[in-house]
Amino acid sequence: MTDTATKLAKHPAAIAAPVRRQRRRRGGWAIGRAFLRVLATLAILFFVLFPIFWMALTAFKPARDAFSTAVLFTPTLDNFLAIFGGASDLTGALVNSVLIAVATTIVSIPLALLAAYAFSRYRFPGHRGMLLAIVATQFIPGVAIALPFLTLFRSLGLIDTHLALVVVNLSLVVPYITWLLKGFVDGLPLEIEEAARLDGCTQVNLLWRVITPLAAPGIFVAAVFSFLLSWNEFLFPTFLARTEAETLPVALMTLVMPEGVAWGQMAAAGLLVMAPMLILALLVRKHFAEGMTMGAVK
């Protein structure tokens, strides 16, 4: 045994001390990383939630306090009364937005589900090319197709109608949710369909009684996206509907008045626009994570 080994054998603390220092160093790094993660999470939550919080405050502020930074004030419903039957009535635009978004969702889901099932289960000439074309439509700027839609609907006499906006929304929504639902259908086991066919199930009954229930989480997610994309659409309603079929996002422009922006009413209308998103998120939160990951792994 060398002299160094003899000294270490006589003094075991000389071995334990570096180990303790290394553990303390690792513990310090772990605490530091945890602190940074918490700090980053709080920063993200602040930047995401603070504008919503401030908009909610402004919606209940009197007109004289709309530009103030006061957090404590006497709340009022004047801004909501103004956009519901008041001087800046947005009730008609709200009804139009609901009708158009609901109609788009009701029509788009069956169409997209049928298309997704066909692309998932059948192979036909041009299969891959059609799929790529569906994806490619999502990269076309809306401004590039706004004028052709305007010309088409003007020749058909459909300008400023609910039907025109539903058709336009379908052209935007159906390709997206078709691609979305295809991933969900790809994740469904073929054995269940084969067993249903052996039991005498027709293709229509197979889609209605087998595929639809199994793909319900994905359909919920697709329906939410379909509704929200239609609800938030601004460009095409601006071109195609400014009076009878005016939607809520477009109607918000009427709150920009010659004397300035009615910030209190704008904030109240903003909460109104956000309400369906929050309600749908609460209703489908149990299905959302499952639906988003359903087709991710086969």
C-alpha atoms as a PDB file:
ATOM      1  CA  MET A   1       0.000   0.000   0.000  1.00  0.00           C
ATOM      2  CA  THR A   2       1.367   3.373  -1.048  1.00  0.00           C
ATOM      3  CA  ASP A   3       1.707   6.328   1.285  1.00  0.00           C
ATOM      4  CA  THR A   4      -1.297   8.100  -0.390  1.00  0.00           C
ATOM      5  CA  ALA A   5      -3.512   5.030   0.004  1.00  0.00           C
ATOM      6  CA  THR A   6      -2.442   4.697   3.620  1.00  0.00           C
ATOM      7  CA  LYS A   7      -3.360   8.330   4.327  1.00  0.00           C
ATOM      8  CA  LEU A   8      -6.773   7.939   2.675  1.00  0.00           C
ATOM      9  CA  ALA A   9      -7.425   4.767   4.657  1.00  0.00           C
ATOM     10  CA  LYS A  10      -6.611   6.562   7.889  1.00  0.00           C
ATOM     11  CA  HIS A  11      -8.732   9.609   6.950  1.00  0.00           C
ATOM     12  CA  PRO A  12     -11.976   8.487   5.184  1.00  0.00           C
ATOM     13  CA  ALA A  13     -13.356  12.018   5.515  1.00  0.00           C
ATOM     14  CA  ALA A  14     -10.876  13.025   2.820  1.00  0.00           C
ATOM     15  CA  ILE A  15     -12.847  10.799   0.404  1.00  0.00           C
ATOM     16  CA  ALA A  16     -16.327  11.758   1.637  1.00  0.00           C
ATOM     17  CA  ALA A  17     -15.770  15.524   1.458  1.00  0.00           C
ATOM     18  CA  PRO A  18     -15.487  15.779  -2.380  1.00  0.00           C
ATOM     19  CA  VAL A  19     -18.546  13.541  -2.718  1.00  0.00           C
ATOM     20  CA  ARG A  20     -20.545  15.819  -0.401  1.00  0.00           C
ATOM     21  CA  ARG A  21     -19.409  18.906  -2.301  1.00  0.00           C
ATOM     22  CA  GLN A  22     -20.436  17.284  -5.603  1.00  0.00           C
ATOM     23  CA  ARG A  23     -23.881  16.405  -4.219  1.00  0.00           C
ATOM     24  CA  ARG A  24     -24.352  19.936  -2.893  1.00  0.00           C
ATOM     25  CA  ARG A  25     -23.359  21.310  -6.273  1.00  0.00           C
ATOM     26  CA  ARG A  26     -25.863  19.048  -8.068  1.00  0.00           C
ATOM     27  CA  GLY A  27     -28.562  19.941  -5.552  1.00  0.00           C
ATOM     28  CA  GLY A  28     -27.869  23.633  -6.091  1.00  0.00           C
ATOM     29  CA  TRP A  29     -28.132  23.237  -9.877  1.00  0.00           C
ATOM     30  CA  ALA A  30     -31.415  21.309  -9.497  1.00  0.00           C
ATOM     31  CA  ILE A  31     -32.888  24.034  -7.284  1.00  0.00           C
ATOM     32  CA  GLY A  32     -31.685  26.708  -9.718  1.00  0.00           C
ATOM     33  CA  ARG A  33     -33.257  24.925 -12.702  1.00  0.00           C
ATOM     34  CA  ALA A  34     -36.535  24.456 -10.817  1.00  0.00           C
ATOM     35  CA  PHE A  35     -36.553  28.142  -9.885  1.00  0.00           C
ATOM     36  CA  LEU A  36     -35.919  29.180 -13.500  1.00  0.00           C
ATOM     37  CA  ARG A  37     -38.732  26.901 -14.716  1.00  0.00           C
ATOM     38  CA  VAL A  38     -41.161  28.414 -12.212  1.00  0.00           C
ATOM     39  CA  LEU A  39     -40.009  31.922 -13.134  1.00  0.00           C
ATOM     40  CA  ALA A  40     -40.424  31.232 -16.868  1.00  0.00           C
ATOM     41  CA  THR A  41     -43.888  29.745 -16.302  1.00  0.00           C
ATOM     42  CA  LEU A  42     -44.988  32.757 -14.292  1.00  0.00           C
ATOM     43  CA  ALA A  43     -43.626  35.117 -16.962  1.00  0.00           C
ATOM     44  CA  ILE A  44     -45.528  33.280 -19.709  1.00  0.00           C
ATOM     45  CA  LEU A  45     -48.731  33.286 -17.658  1.00  0.00           C
ATOM     46  CA  PHE A  46     -48.315  37.007 -17.005  1.00  0.00           C
ATOM     47  CA  PHE A  47     -47.874  37.890 -20.678  1.00  0.00           C
ATOM     48  CA  VAL A  48     -50.794  35.642 -21.687  1.00  0.00           C
ATOM     49  CA  LEU A  49     -53.267  36.428 -18.919  1.00  0.00           C
ATOM     50  CA  PHE A  50     -52.528  40.077 -18.136  1.00  0.00           C
ATOM     51  CA  PRO A  51     -54.043  41.456 -21.383  1.00  0.00           C
ATOM     52  CA  ILE A  52     -57.199  39.418 -20.739  1.00  0.00           C
ATOM     53  CA  PHE A  53     -57.320  40.617 -17.143  1.00  0.00           C
ATOM     54  CA  TRP A  54     -56.882  44.248 -18.209  1.00  0.00           C
ATOM     55  CA  MET A  55     -59.522  43.921 -20.921  1.00  0.00           C
ATOM     56  CA  ALA A  56     -61.959  42.525 -18.355  1.00  0.00           C
ATOM     57  CA  LEU A  57     -61.230  45.469 -16.048  1.00  0.00           C
ATOM     58  CA  THR A  58     -61.722  47.976 -18.864  1.00  0.00           C
ATOM     59  CA  ALA A  59     -65.034  46.376 -19.829  1.00  0.00           C
ATOM     60  CA  PHE A  60     -66.481  47.269 -16.420  1.00  0.00           C
ATOM     61  CA  LYS A  61     -64.922  50.737 -16.147  1.00  0.00           C
ATOM     62  CA  PRO A  62     -66.931  53.924 -16.613  1.00  0.00           C
ATOM     63  CA  ALA A  63     -66.084  55.912 -19.725  1.00  0.00           C
ATOM     64  CA  ARG A  64     -64.113  58.491 -17.706  1.00  0.00           C
ATOM     65  CA  ASP A  65     -61.850  55.764 -16.277  1.00  0.00           C
ATOM     66  CA  ALA A  66     -61.266  53.811 -19.501  1.00  0.00           C
ATOM     67  CA  PHE A  67     -57.847  55.426 -20.037  1.00  0.00           C
ATOM     68  CA  SER A  68     -56.766  55.244 -16.409  1.00  0.00           C
ATOM     69  CA  THR A  69     -54.552  52.576 -14.891  1.00  0.00           C
ATOM     70  CA  ALA A  70     -56.690  52.365 -11.767  1.00  0.00           C
ATOM     71  CA  VAL A  71     -57.446  48.853 -10.580  1.00  0.00           C
ATOM     72  CA  LEU A  72     -59.951  49.994  -7.958  1.00  0.00           C
ATOM     73  CA  PHE A  73     -63.025  51.699  -9.381  1.00  0.00           C
ATOM     74  CA  THR A  74     -66.813  51.566  -9.255  1.00  0.00           C
ATOM     75  CA  PRO A  75     -67.823  48.868 -11.786  1.00  0.00           C
ATOM     76  CA  THR A  76     -70.593  49.567 -14.264  1.00  0.00           C
ATOM     77  CA  LEU A  77     -72.517  47.641 -16.935  1.00  0.00           C
ATOM     78  CA  ASP A  78     -72.858  50.670 -19.230  1.00  0.00           C
ATOM     79  CA  ASN A  79     -70.441  49.237 -21.777  1.00  0.00           C
ATOM     80  CA  PHE A  80     -72.401  45.984 -22.063  1.00  0.00           C
ATOM     81  CA  LEU A  81     -75.710  47.842 -22.236  1.00  0.00           C
ATOM     82  CA  ALA A  82     -74.282  49.952 -25.077  1.00  0.00           C
ATOM     83  CA  ILE A  83     -73.418  46.910 -27.220  1.00  0.00           C
ATOM     84  CA  PHE A  84     -76.668  45.100 -26.380  1.00  0.00           C
ATOM     85  CA  GLY A  85     -79.440  47.309 -27.688  1.00  0.00           C
ATOM     86  CA  GLY A  86     -77.683  50.587 -26.948  1.00  0.00           C
ATOM     87  CA  ALA A  87     -75.933  53.175 -29.082  1.00  0.00           C
ATOM     88  CA  SER A  88     -73.393  50.610 -30.345  1.00  0.00           C
ATOM     89  CA  ASP A  89     -75.738  47.654 -30.733  1.00  0.00           C
ATOM     90  CA  LEU A  90     -73.895  44.491 -31.808  1.00  0.00           C
ATOM     91  CA  THR A  91     -76.742  42.035 -31.209  1.00  0.00           C
ATOM     92  CA  GLY A  92     -77.382  41.454 -34.908  1.00  0.00           C
ATOM     93  CA  ALA A  93     -73.697  40.816 -35.586  1.00  0.00           C
ATOM     94  CA  LEU A  94     -73.571  38.391 -32.653  1.00  0.00           C
ATOM     95  CA  VAL A  95     -76.540  36.423 -34.017  1.00  0.00           C
ATOM     96  CA  ASN A  96     -74.954  36.333 -37.481  1.00  0.00           C
ATOM     97  CA  SER A  97     -71.656  35.035 -36.087  1.00  0.00           C
ATOM     98  CA  VAL A  98     -73.391  32.282 -34.122  1.00  0.00           C
ATOM     99  CA  LEU A  99     -75.520  31.187 -37.084  1.00  0.00           C
ATOM    100  CA  ILE A 100     -72.615  31.149 -39.528  1.00  0.00           C
ATOM    101  CA  ALA A 101     -70.200  29.355 -37.150  1.00  0.00           C
ATOM    102  CA  VAL A 102     -72.788  26.731 -36.147  1.00  0.00           C
ATOM    103  CA  ALA A 103     -73.849  26.109 -39.761  1.00  0.00           C
ATOM    104  CA  THR A 104     -70.217  25.785 -40.842  1.00  0.00           C
ATOM    105  CA  THR A 105     -69.517  23.277 -38.056  1.00  0.00           C
ATOM    106  CA  ILE A 106     -72.627  21.178 -38.749  1.00  0.00           C
ATOM    107  CA  VAL A 107     -71.828  20.902 -42.455  1.00  0.00           C
ATOM    108  CA  SER A 108     -68.045  20.579 -42.215  1.00  0.00           C
ATOM    109  CA  ILE A 109     -67.822  17.711 -39.718  1.00  0.00           C
ATOM    110  CA  PRO A 110     -69.674  15.064 -41.822  1.00  0.00           C
ATOM    111  CA  LEU A 111     -67.872  16.154 -44.994  1.00  0.00           C
ATOM    112  CA  ALA A 112     -64.454  16.086 -43.344  1.00  0.00           C
ATOM    113  CA  LEU A 113     -65.123  12.754 -41.597  1.00  0.00           C
ATOM    114  CA  LEU A 114     -66.165  11.080 -44.857  1.00  0.00           C
ATOM    115  CA  ALA A 115     -63.125  12.462 -46.655  1.00  0.00           C
ATOM    116  CA  ALA A 116     -60.793  11.496 -43.796  1.00  0.00           C
ATOM    117  CA  TYR A 117     -62.168   7.941 -43.748  1.00  0.00           C
ATOM    118  CA  ALA A 118     -61.735   7.608 -47.519  1.00  0.00           C
ATOM    119  CA  PHE A 119     -58.138   8.847 -47.418  1.00  0.00           C
ATOM    120  CA  SER A 120     -57.344   6.619 -44.437  1.00  0.00           C
ATOM    121  CA  ARG A 121     -58.903   3.333 -45.566  1.00  0.00           C
ATOM    122  CA  TYR A 122     -58.760   3.385 -49.368  1.00  0.00           C
ATOM    123  CA  ARG A 123     -56.005   3.762 -51.936  1.00  0.00           C
ATOM    124  CA  PHE A 124     -57.020   5.271 -55.262  1.00  0.00           C
ATOM    125  CA  PRO A 125     -55.241   7.091 -58.112  1.00  0.00           C
ATOM    126  CA  GLY A 126     -53.995  10.473 -56.981  1.00  0.00           C
ATOM    127  CA  HIS A 127     -54.384   9.609 -53.293  1.00  0.00           C
ATOM    128  CA  ARG A 128     -51.149  11.214 -52.155  1.00  0.00           C
ATOM    129  CA  GLY A 129     -51.447  14.131 -54.541  1.00  0.00           C
ATOM    130  CA  MET A 130     -54.911  14.998 -53.241  1.00  0.00           C
ATOM    131  CA  LEU A 131     -53.676  14.856 -49.660  1.00  0.00           C
ATOM    132  CA  LEU A 132     -50.827  17.207 -50.495  1.00  0.00           C
ATOM    133  CA  ALA A 133     -53.253  19.502 -52.300  1.00  0.00           C
ATOM    134  CA  ILE A 134     -55.451  19.613 -49.190  1.00  0.00           C
ATOM    135  CA  VAL A 135     -52.475  20.605 -47.069  1.00  0.00           C
ATOM    136  CA  ALA A 136     -51.324  23.127 -49.673  1.00  0.00           C
ATOM    137  CA  THR A 137     -54.624  25.007 -49.460  1.00  0.00           C
ATOM    138  CA  GLN A 138     -53.710  26.025 -45.914  1.00  0.00           C
ATOM    139  CA  PHE A 139     -50.709  27.958 -47.227  1.00  0.00           C
ATOM    140  CA  ILE A 140     -52.677  30.106 -49.687  1.00  0.00           C
ATOM    141  CA  PRO A 141     -53.081  33.675 -48.347  1.00  0.00           C
ATOM    142  CA  GLY A 142     -56.694  34.649 -47.865  1.00  0.00           C
ATOM    143  CA  VAL A 143     -56.122  37.916 -49.720  1.00  0.00           C
ATOM    144  CA  ALA A 144     -55.186  35.949 -52.846  1.00  0.00           C
ATOM    145  CA  ILE A 145     -58.611  34.300 -53.080  1.00  0.00           C
ATOM    146  CA  ALA A 146     -60.770  37.084 -51.635  1.00  0.00           C
ATOM    147  CA  LEU A 147     -61.271  38.836 -54.995  1.00  0.00           C
ATOM    148  CA  PRO A 148     -62.264  35.637 -56.890  1.00  0.00           C
ATOM    149  CA  PHE A 149     -64.806  34.843 -54.155  1.00  0.00           C
ATOM    150  CA  LEU A 150     -66.126  38.400 -54.318  1.00  0.00           C
ATOM    151  CA  THR A 151     -66.527  38.193 -58.107  1.00  0.00           C
ATOM    152  CA  LEU A 152     -68.180  34.770 -57.913  1.00  0.00           C
ATOM    153  CA  PHE A 153     -70.705  35.671 -55.245  1.00  0.00           C
ATOM    154  CA  ARG A 154     -71.497  38.984 -56.885  1.00  0.00           C
ATOM    155  CA  SER A 155     -72.383  37.176 -60.114  1.00  0.00           C
ATOM    156  CA  LEU A 156     -74.541  34.729 -58.129  1.00  0.00           C
ATOM    157  CA  GLY A 157     -76.243  37.469 -56.165  1.00  0.00           C
ATOM    158  CA  LEU A 158     -74.995  36.132 -52.836  1.00  0.00           C
ATOM    159  CA  ILE A 159     -73.126  39.187 -51.576  1.00  0.00           C
ATOM    160  CA  ASP A 160     -73.973  40.007 -47.953  1.00  0.00           C
ATOM    161  CA  THR A 161     -75.687  36.658 -47.299  1.00  0.00           C
ATOM    162  CA  HIS A 162     -75.143  34.008 -44.665  1.00  0.00           C
ATOM    163  CA  LEU A 163     -74.820  31.342 -47.370  1.00  0.00           C
ATOM    164  CA  ALA A 164     -71.828  33.066 -48.944  1.00  0.00           C
ATOM    165  CA  LEU A 165     -69.963  33.220 -45.635  1.00  0.00           C
ATOM    166  CA  VAL A 166     -70.779  29.589 -44.819  1.00  0.00           C
ATOM    167  CA  VAL A 167     -69.450  28.462 -48.228  1.00  0.00           C
ATOM    168  CA  VAL A 168     -66.261  30.487 -47.790  1.00  0.00           C
ATOM    169  CA  ASN A 169     -65.747  29.158 -44.274  1.00  0.00           C
ATOM    170  CA  LEU A 170     -66.229  25.598 -45.512  1.00  0.00           C
ATOM    171  CA  SER A 171     -63.510  26.132 -48.111  1.00  0.00           C
ATOM    172  CA  LEU A 172     -61.161  27.181 -45.302  1.00  0.00           C
ATOM    173  CA  VAL A 173     -62.214  24.750 -42.582  1.00  0.00           C
ATOM    174  CA  VAL A 174     -62.905  21.445 -44.362  1.00  0.00           C
ATOM    175  CA  PRO A 175     -59.341  20.903 -45.699  1.00  0.00           C
ATOM    176  CA  TYR A 176     -57.861  21.563 -42.266  1.00  0.00           C
ATOM    177  CA  ILE A 177     -60.157  19.309 -40.250  1.00  0.00           C
ATOM    178  CA  THR A 178     -60.024  16.618 -42.964  1.00  0.00           C
ATOM    179  CA  TRP A 179     -56.279  16.354 -42.413  1.00  0.00           C
ATOM    180  CA  LEU A 180     -56.870  16.471 -38.666  1.00  0.00           C
ATOM    181  CA  LEU A 181     -59.496  13.717 -38.675  1.00  0.00           C
ATOM    182  CA  LYS A 182     -57.442  11.503 -40.979  1.00  0.00           C
ATOM    183  CA  GLY A 183     -54.872  11.128 -38.226  1.00  0.00           C
ATOM    184  CA  PHE A 184     -57.632  10.103 -35.797  1.00  0.00           C
ATOM    185  CA  VAL A 185     -59.086   7.530 -38.215  1.00  0.00           C
ATOM    186  CA  ASP A 186     -55.589   6.149 -38.894  1.00  0.00           C
ATOM    187  CA  GLY A 187     -55.316   5.381 -35.175  1.00  0.00           C
ATOM    188  CA  LEU A 188     -58.492   3.253 -35.103  1.00  0.00           C
ATOM    189  CA  PRO A 189     -57.912  -0.533 -35.264  1.00  0.00           C
ATOM    190  CA  LEU A 190     -58.995  -2.233 -38.478  1.00  0.00           C
ATOM    191  CA  GLU A 191     -60.028  -5.367 -36.558  1.00  0.00           C
ATOM    192  CA  ILE A 192     -63.103  -3.605 -35.162  1.00  0.00           C
ATOM    193  CA  GLU A 193     -64.300  -2.691 -38.650  1.00  0.00           C
ATOM    194  CA  GLU A 194     -63.673  -6.216 -39.926  1.00  0.00           C
ATOM    195  CA  ALA A 195     -65.653  -7.666 -37.030  1.00  0.00           C
ATOM    196  CA  ALA A 196     -68.522  -5.263 -37.732  1.00  0.00           C
ATOM    197  CA  ARG A 197     -68.584  -6.262 -41.404  1.00  0.00           C
ATOM    198  CA  LEU A 198     -68.652  -9.935 -40.443  1.00  0.00           C
ATOM    199  CA  ASP A 199     -71.710  -9.181 -38.310  1.00  0.00           C
ATOM    200  CA  GLY A 200     -73.451  -7.781 -41.387  1.00  0.00           C
ATOM    201  CA  CYS A 201     -72.859  -4.075 -40.773  1.00  0.00           C
ATOM    202  CA  THR A 202     -73.220  -1.948 -43.893  1.00  0.00           C
ATOM    203  CA  GLN A 203     -70.783   0.806 -44.782  1.00  0.00           C
ATOM    204  CA  VAL A 204     -73.195   3.526 -43.643  1.00  0.00           C
ATOM    205  CA  ASN A 205     -73.881   1.783 -40.327  1.00  0.00           C
ATOM    206  CA  LEU A 206     -70.151   1.165 -39.922  1.00  0.00           C
ATOM    207  CA  LEU A 207     -69.436   4.878 -40.219  1.00  0.00           C
ATOM    208  CA  TRP A 208     -72.328   5.894 -37.971  1.00  0.00           C
ATOM    209  CA  ARG A 209     -72.253   3.193 -35.277  1.00  0.00           C
ATOM    210  CA  VAL A 210     -68.552   2.235 -35.157  1.00  0.00           C
ATOM    211  CA  ILE A 211     -66.252   4.909 -36.562  1.00  0.00           C
ATOM    212  CA  THR A 212     -68.091   7.944 -35.203  1.00  0.00           C
ATOM    213  CA  PRO A 213     -68.228   6.769 -31.546  1.00  0.00           C
ATOM    214  CA  LEU A 214     -64.602   5.617 -31.624  1.00  0.00           C
ATOM    215  CA  ALA A 215     -63.434   8.891 -33.166  1.00  0.00           C
ATOM    216  CA  ALA A 216     -65.617  11.023 -30.873  1.00  0.00           C
ATOM    217  CA  PRO A 217     -62.666  12.766 -29.118  1.00  0.00           C
ATOM    218  CA  GLY A 218     -61.183  13.698 -32.481  1.00  0.00           C
ATOM    219  CA  ILE A 219     -64.566  14.857 -33.772  1.00  0.00           C
ATOM    220  CA  PHE A 220     -64.966  17.063 -30.689  1.00  0.00           C
ATOM    221  CA  VAL A 221     -61.603  18.664 -31.375  1.00  0.00           C
ATOM    222  CA  ALA A 222     -62.393  19.108 -35.075  1.00  0.00           C
ATOM    223  CA  ALA A 223     -65.771  20.660 -34.219  1.00  0.00           C
ATOM    224  CA  VAL A 224     -64.125  23.112 -31.814  1.00  0.00           C
ATOM    225  CA  PHE A 225     -61.571  24.155 -34.424  1.00  0.00           C
ATOM    226  CA  SER A 226     -64.275  24.435 -37.088  1.00  0.00           C
ATOM    227  CA  PHE A 227     -66.419  26.678 -34.891  1.00  0.00           C
ATOM    228  CA  LEU A 228     -63.552  28.869 -33.712  1.00  0.00           C
ATOM    229  CA  LEU A 229     -62.047  29.326 -37.175  1.00  0.00           C
ATOM    230  CA  SER A 230     -65.446  30.425 -38.461  1.00  0.00           C
ATOM    231  CA  TRP A 231     -66.128  32.557 -35.385  1.00  0.00           C
ATOM    232  CA  ASN A 232     -62.825  34.425 -35.644  1.00  0.00           C
ATOM    233  CA  GLU A 233     -62.795  34.906 -39.429  1.00  0.00           C
ATOM    234  CA  PHE A 234     -62.358  38.573 -40.277  1.00  0.00           C
ATOM    235  CA  LEU A 235     -61.018  38.953 -43.807  1.00  0.00           C
ATOM    236  CA  PHE A 236     -63.813  37.393 -45.874  1.00  0.00           C
ATOM    237  CA  PRO A 237     -66.736  38.875 -43.903  1.00  0.00           C
ATOM    238  CA  THR A 238     -65.101  42.264 -44.446  1.00  0.00           C
ATOM    239  CA  PHE A 239     -65.266  41.758 -48.214  1.00  0.00           C
ATOM    240  CA  LEU A 240     -68.531  39.851 -48.479  1.00  0.00           C
ATOM    241  CA  ALA A 241     -70.799  41.095 -45.681  1.00  0.00           C
ATOM    242  CA  ARG A 242     -70.900  44.546 -44.166  1.00  0.00           C
ATOM    243  CA  THR A 243     -74.642  45.041 -43.470  1.00  0.00           C
ATOM    244  CA  GLU A 244     -77.194  42.200 -43.311  1.00  0.00           C
ATOM    245  CA  ALA A 245     -74.725  39.350 -42.652  1.00  0.00           C
ATOM    246  CA  GLU A 246     -72.121  41.367 -40.758  1.00  0.00           C
ATOM    247  CA  THR A 247     -70.266  39.247 -38.205  1.00  0.00           C
ATOM    248  CA  LEU A 248     -69.053  40.216 -34.759  1.00  0.00           C
ATOM    249  CA  PRO A 249     -65.318  40.616 -35.569  1.00  0.00           C
ATOM    250  CA  VAL A 250     -66.195  42.995 -38.402  1.00  0.00           C
ATOM    251  CA  ALA A 251     -68.756  44.848 -36.283  1.00  0.00           C
ATOM    252  CA  LEU A 252     -66.025  45.713 -33.781  1.00  0.00           C
ATOM    253  CA  MET A 253     -64.752  48.220 -36.346  1.00  0.00           C
ATOM    254  CA  THR A 254     -67.869  50.317 -35.747  1.00  0.00           C
ATOM    255  CA  LEU A 255     -66.542  51.077 -32.253  1.00  0.00           C
ATOM    256  CA  VAL A 256     -63.740  53.107 -33.853  1.00  0.00           C
ATOM    257  CA  MET A 257     -65.577  56.428 -34.024  1.00  0.00           C
ATOM    258  CA  PRO A 258     -64.508  59.854 -35.332  1.00  0.00           C
ATOM    259  CA  GLU A 259     -64.119  61.079 -31.757  1.00  0.00           C
ATOM    260  CA  GLY A 260     -61.925  58.112 -30.877  1.00  0.00           C
ATOM    261  CA  VAL A 261     -62.087  54.459 -29.920  1.00  0.00           C
ATOM    262  CA  ALA A 262     -64.754  53.506 -27.396  1.00  0.00           C
ATOM    263  CA  TRP A 263     -62.327  51.425 -25.352  1.00  0.00           C
ATOM    264  CA  GLY A 264     -64.836  50.383 -22.706  1.00  0.00           C
ATOM    265  CA  GLN A 265     -67.289  49.088 -25.311  1.00  0.00           C
ATOM    266  CA  MET A 266     -64.427  47.553 -27.298  1.00  0.00           C
ATOM    267  CA  ALA A 267     -63.286  45.651 -24.203  1.00  0.00           C
ATOM    268  CA  ALA A 268     -66.833  44.468 -23.500  1.00  0.00           C
ATOM    269  CA  ALA A 269     -67.184  43.286 -27.102  1.00  0.00           C
ATOM    270  CA  GLY A 270     -63.784  41.594 -26.826  1.00  0.00           C
ATOM    271  CA  LEU A 271     -65.019  39.586 -23.850  1.00  0.00           C
ATOM    272  CA  LEU A 272     -68.075  38.698 -25.910  1.00  0.00           C
ATOM    273  CA  VAL A 273     -65.861  37.390 -28.718  1.00  0.00           C
ATOM    274  CA  MET A 274     -63.768  35.382 -26.242  1.00  0.00           C
ATOM    275  CA  ALA A 275     -66.754  33.850 -24.423  1.00  0.00           C
ATOM    276  CA  PRO A 276     -67.417  30.981 -26.894  1.00  0.00           C
ATOM    277  CA  MET A 277     -63.747  29.980 -26.822  1.00  0.00           C
ATOM    278  CA  LEU A 278     -63.718  29.762 -23.033  1.00  0.00           C
ATOM    279  CA  ILE A 279     -67.041  27.893 -22.902  1.00  0.00           C
ATOM    280  CA  LEU A 280     -65.975  25.378 -25.559  1.00  0.00           C
ATOM    281  CA  ALA A 281     -62.632  24.869 -23.821  1.00  0.00           C
ATOM    282  CA  LEU A 282     -64.449  24.008 -20.581  1.00  0.00           C
ATOM    283  CA  LEU A 283     -66.903  21.682 -22.317  1.00  0.00           C
ATOM    284  CA  VAL A 284     -64.361  19.656 -24.277  1.00  0.00           C
ATOM    285  CA  ARG A 285     -61.315  19.846 -22.015  1.00  0.00           C
ATOM    286  CA  LYS A 286     -61.661  16.147 -21.118  1.00  0.00           C
ATOM    287  CA  HIS A 287     -61.567  15.152 -24.778  1.00  0.00           C
ATOM    288  CA  PHE A 288     -59.099  17.734 -26.053  1.00  0.00           C
ATOM    289  CA  ALA A 289     -55.812  16.068 -25.039  1.00  0.00           C
ATOM    290  CA  GLU A 290     -57.035  12.648 -26.184  1.00  0.00           C
ATOM    291  CA  GLY A 291     -58.295  14.048 -29.447  1.00  0.00           C
ATOM    292  CA  MET A 292     -55.081  15.938 -30.215  1.00  0.00           C
ATOM    293  CA  THR A 293     -52.910  12.857 -29.619  1.00  0.00           C
ATOM    294  CA  MET A 294     -55.278  10.159 -30.874  1.00  0.00           C
ATOM    295  CA  GLY A 295     -53.690   9.810 -34.289  1.00  0.00           C
ATOM    296  CA  ALA A 296     -50.146  10.717 -33.313  1.00  0.00           C
ATOM    297  CA  VAL A 297     -48.915   7.146 -32.731  1.00  0.00           C
ATOM    298  CA  LYS A 298     -50.247   4.044 -34.386  1.00  0.00           C
END
